[in-house]
Amino acid sequence: MSTENDQDLALTALLAAATDVEAVLPVSFIKASYAIQRRHQFNQDQTISMHDLEKLVEDHLAQGEAK
């Protein structure tokens, strides 16, 4: 089982990788998607995680269209 420190290291690595490849996604989006995956990582039913990720993407796209 992972510890809180391991989780922070995973997020740090994910954000570093996003910077390395010059990801066009905002850090807030990456952190929110990571939080969703972390919250649901031990659920066998992945539909909840997928629903939350779909909502996150839809909200992100809607914000882009509003600009």
N, C-alpha and C. Protein backbone atom coordinates (compact mmCIF):
# COMPACT_ATOMS: atom_id res chain seq x y z
N MET A 1 0.84 -1.18 0.00
CA MET A 1 0.00 0.00 0.00
C MET A 1 0.89 1.24 0.00
N SER A 2 0.47 2.24 -0.70
CA SER A 2 1.30 3.45 -0.81
C SER A 2 1.03 4.39 0.35
N THR A 3 2.01 5.20 0.64
CA THR A 3 1.87 6.18 1.71
C THR A 3 1.56 7.54 1.10
N GLU A 4 1.23 8.47 1.97
CA GLU A 4 0.94 9.84 1.52
C GLU A 4 2.15 10.43 0.80
N ASN A 5 3.36 10.14 1.31
CA ASN A 5 4.57 10.65 0.68
C ASN A 5 4.75 10.08 -0.72
N ASP A 6 4.42 8.78 -0.89
CA ASP A 6 4.50 8.17 -2.22
C ASP A 6 3.55 8.87 -3.18
N GLN A 7 2.36 9.20 -2.69
CA GLN A 7 1.38 9.87 -3.53
C GLN A 7 1.91 11.24 -3.96
N ASP A 8 2.51 11.96 -3.04
CA ASP A 8 3.07 13.26 -3.38
C ASP A 8 4.18 13.12 -4.41
N LEU A 9 4.98 12.07 -4.28
CA LEU A 9 6.05 11.83 -5.25
C LEU A 9 5.47 11.51 -6.63
N ALA A 10 4.38 10.77 -6.64
CA ALA A 10 3.73 10.43 -7.91
C ALA A 10 3.20 11.70 -8.59
N LEU A 11 2.57 12.56 -7.83
CA LEU A 11 2.06 13.81 -8.40
C LEU A 11 3.21 14.70 -8.86
N THR A 12 4.25 14.77 -8.08
CA THR A 12 5.42 15.57 -8.46
C THR A 12 6.02 15.05 -9.77
N ALA A 13 6.13 13.73 -9.90
CA ALA A 13 6.66 13.15 -11.14
C ALA A 13 5.75 13.43 -12.32
N LEU A 14 4.44 13.33 -12.09
CA LEU A 14 3.48 13.60 -13.16
C LEU A 14 3.58 15.05 -13.63
N LEU A 15 3.66 15.98 -12.69
CA LEU A 15 3.78 17.39 -13.06
C LEU A 15 5.11 17.68 -13.76
N ALA A 16 6.17 17.02 -13.31
CA ALA A 16 7.48 17.20 -13.96
C ALA A 16 7.44 16.67 -15.39
N ALA A 17 6.80 15.53 -15.58
CA ALA A 17 6.68 14.97 -16.93
C ALA A 17 5.87 15.89 -17.83
N ALA A 18 4.81 16.48 -17.29
CA ALA A 18 3.98 17.40 -18.07
C ALA A 18 4.80 18.62 -18.49
N THR A 19 5.67 19.08 -17.62
CA THR A 19 6.54 20.22 -17.94
C THR A 19 7.56 19.83 -19.00
N ASP A 20 8.11 18.62 -18.87
CA ASP A 20 9.13 18.15 -19.82
C ASP A 20 8.60 18.06 -21.24
N VAL A 21 7.34 17.68 -21.39
CA VAL A 21 6.77 17.53 -22.73
C VAL A 21 5.97 18.77 -23.14
N GLU A 22 6.06 19.80 -22.31
CA GLU A 22 5.36 21.07 -22.57
C GLU A 22 3.87 20.83 -22.82
N ALA A 23 3.25 20.14 -21.86
CA ALA A 23 1.82 19.85 -21.96
C ALA A 23 1.02 21.14 -22.00
N VAL A 24 -0.02 21.14 -22.80
CA VAL A 24 -0.86 22.33 -22.92
C VAL A 24 -1.98 22.35 -21.89
N LEU A 25 -2.07 21.32 -21.07
CA LEU A 25 -3.09 21.29 -20.03
C LEU A 25 -2.63 22.09 -18.83
N PRO A 26 -3.54 22.83 -18.22
CA PRO A 26 -3.15 23.57 -17.02
C PRO A 26 -2.83 22.63 -15.86
N VAL A 27 -1.97 23.09 -14.98
CA VAL A 27 -1.59 22.30 -13.81
C VAL A 27 -2.83 21.94 -12.99
N SER A 28 -3.78 22.84 -12.90
CA SER A 28 -5.00 22.57 -12.12
C SER A 28 -5.76 21.38 -12.69
N PHE A 29 -5.78 21.24 -14.01
CA PHE A 29 -6.45 20.11 -14.66
C PHE A 29 -5.71 18.81 -14.34
N ILE A 30 -4.40 18.84 -14.43
CA ILE A 30 -3.60 17.64 -14.15
C ILE A 30 -3.78 17.22 -12.69
N LYS A 31 -3.75 18.20 -11.78
CA LYS A 31 -3.94 17.88 -10.36
C LYS A 31 -5.33 17.34 -10.10
N ALA A 32 -6.34 17.90 -10.74
CA ALA A 32 -7.71 17.44 -10.54
C ALA A 32 -7.90 16.01 -11.08
N SER A 33 -7.32 15.72 -12.23
CA SER A 33 -7.44 14.37 -12.78
C SER A 33 -6.68 13.36 -11.91
N TYR A 34 -5.54 13.76 -11.41
CA TYR A 34 -4.79 12.90 -10.50
C TYR A 34 -5.59 12.64 -9.22
N ALA A 35 -6.23 13.66 -8.70
CA ALA A 35 -7.02 13.52 -7.47
C ALA A 35 -8.19 12.55 -7.69
N ILE A 36 -8.80 12.61 -8.85
CA ILE A 36 -9.89 11.68 -9.18
C ILE A 36 -9.37 10.25 -9.19
N GLN A 37 -8.27 10.04 -9.87
CA GLN A 37 -7.71 8.69 -9.96
C GLN A 37 -7.28 8.18 -8.58
N ARG A 38 -6.71 9.05 -7.79
CA ARG A 38 -6.27 8.67 -6.45
C ARG A 38 -7.45 8.31 -5.57
N ARG A 39 -8.51 9.10 -5.67
CA ARG A 39 -9.70 8.88 -4.85
C ARG A 39 -10.37 7.54 -5.17
N HIS A 40 -10.32 7.13 -6.42
CA HIS A 40 -11.02 5.92 -6.86
C HIS A 40 -10.09 4.76 -7.19
N GLN A 41 -8.83 4.85 -6.82
CA GLN A 41 -7.86 3.85 -7.26
C GLN A 41 -8.14 2.43 -6.77
N PHE A 42 -8.84 2.28 -5.67
CA PHE A 42 -9.09 0.94 -5.15
C PHE A 42 -10.52 0.46 -5.43
N ASN A 43 -11.30 1.23 -6.16
CA ASN A 43 -12.64 0.81 -6.55
C ASN A 43 -12.55 -0.13 -7.74
N GLN A 44 -13.19 -1.27 -7.62
CA GLN A 44 -13.21 -2.19 -8.76
C GLN A 44 -14.10 -1.67 -9.87
N ASP A 45 -15.14 -0.95 -9.49
CA ASP A 45 -16.05 -0.36 -10.47
C ASP A 45 -15.44 0.96 -10.95
N GLN A 46 -14.96 0.96 -12.18
CA GLN A 46 -14.28 2.14 -12.71
C GLN A 46 -15.24 3.16 -13.32
N THR A 47 -16.53 2.87 -13.30
CA THR A 47 -17.47 3.81 -13.92
C THR A 47 -17.54 5.13 -13.17
N ILE A 48 -17.36 5.09 -11.86
CA ILE A 48 -17.38 6.34 -11.08
C ILE A 48 -16.21 7.23 -11.47
N SER A 49 -15.04 6.63 -11.54
CA SER A 49 -13.84 7.36 -11.94
C SER A 49 -14.00 7.93 -13.35
N MET A 50 -14.49 7.11 -14.26
CA MET A 50 -14.69 7.57 -15.64
C MET A 50 -15.70 8.71 -15.70
N HIS A 51 -16.77 8.61 -14.93
CA HIS A 51 -17.78 9.68 -14.91
C HIS A 51 -17.16 10.98 -14.42
N ASP A 52 -16.39 10.90 -13.33
CA ASP A 52 -15.75 12.10 -12.79
C ASP A 52 -14.74 12.70 -13.78
N LEU A 53 -13.99 11.84 -14.46
CA LEU A 53 -13.03 12.33 -15.46
C LEU A 53 -13.75 12.96 -16.65
N GLU A 54 -14.84 12.35 -17.09
CA GLU A 54 -15.62 12.92 -18.19
C GLU A 54 -16.15 14.30 -17.82
N LYS A 55 -16.63 14.42 -16.59
CA LYS A 55 -17.14 15.73 -16.12
C LYS A 55 -16.02 16.76 -16.09
N LEU A 56 -14.85 16.35 -15.61
CA LEU A 56 -13.70 17.25 -15.56
C LEU A 56 -13.35 17.74 -16.97
N VAL A 57 -13.29 16.82 -17.92
CA VAL A 57 -12.95 17.18 -19.30
C VAL A 57 -14.03 18.09 -19.90
N GLU A 58 -15.30 17.75 -19.69
CA GLU A 58 -16.38 18.59 -20.21
C GLU A 58 -16.33 19.99 -19.64
N ASP A 59 -16.09 20.10 -18.33
CA ASP A 59 -15.97 21.42 -17.69
C ASP A 59 -14.78 22.19 -18.25
N HIS A 60 -13.68 21.51 -18.45
CA HIS A 60 -12.47 22.16 -19.00
C HIS A 60 -12.74 22.68 -20.42
N LEU A 61 -13.38 21.85 -21.22
CA LEU A 61 -13.69 22.27 -22.59
C LEU A 61 -14.69 23.42 -22.62
N ALA A 62 -15.65 23.37 -21.72
CA ALA A 62 -16.64 24.45 -21.65
C ALA A 62 -15.99 25.78 -21.26
N GLN A 63 -15.01 25.72 -20.38
CA GLN A 63 -14.29 26.93 -19.98
C GLN A 63 -13.54 27.51 -21.18
N GLY A 64 -12.97 26.64 -21.99
CA GLY A 64 -12.25 27.08 -23.19
C GLY A 64 -13.17 27.71 -24.20
N GLU A 65 -14.36 27.18 -24.34
CA GLU A 65 -15.33 27.73 -25.28
C GLU A 65 -15.88 29.07 -24.80
N ALA A 66 -15.93 29.25 -23.47
CA ALA A 66 -16.47 30.49 -22.91
C ALA A 66 -15.51 31.66 -23.11
N LYS A 67 -14.27 31.37 -23.37
CA LYS A 67 -13.28 32.45 -23.52
C LYS A 67 -13.35 33.11 -24.84
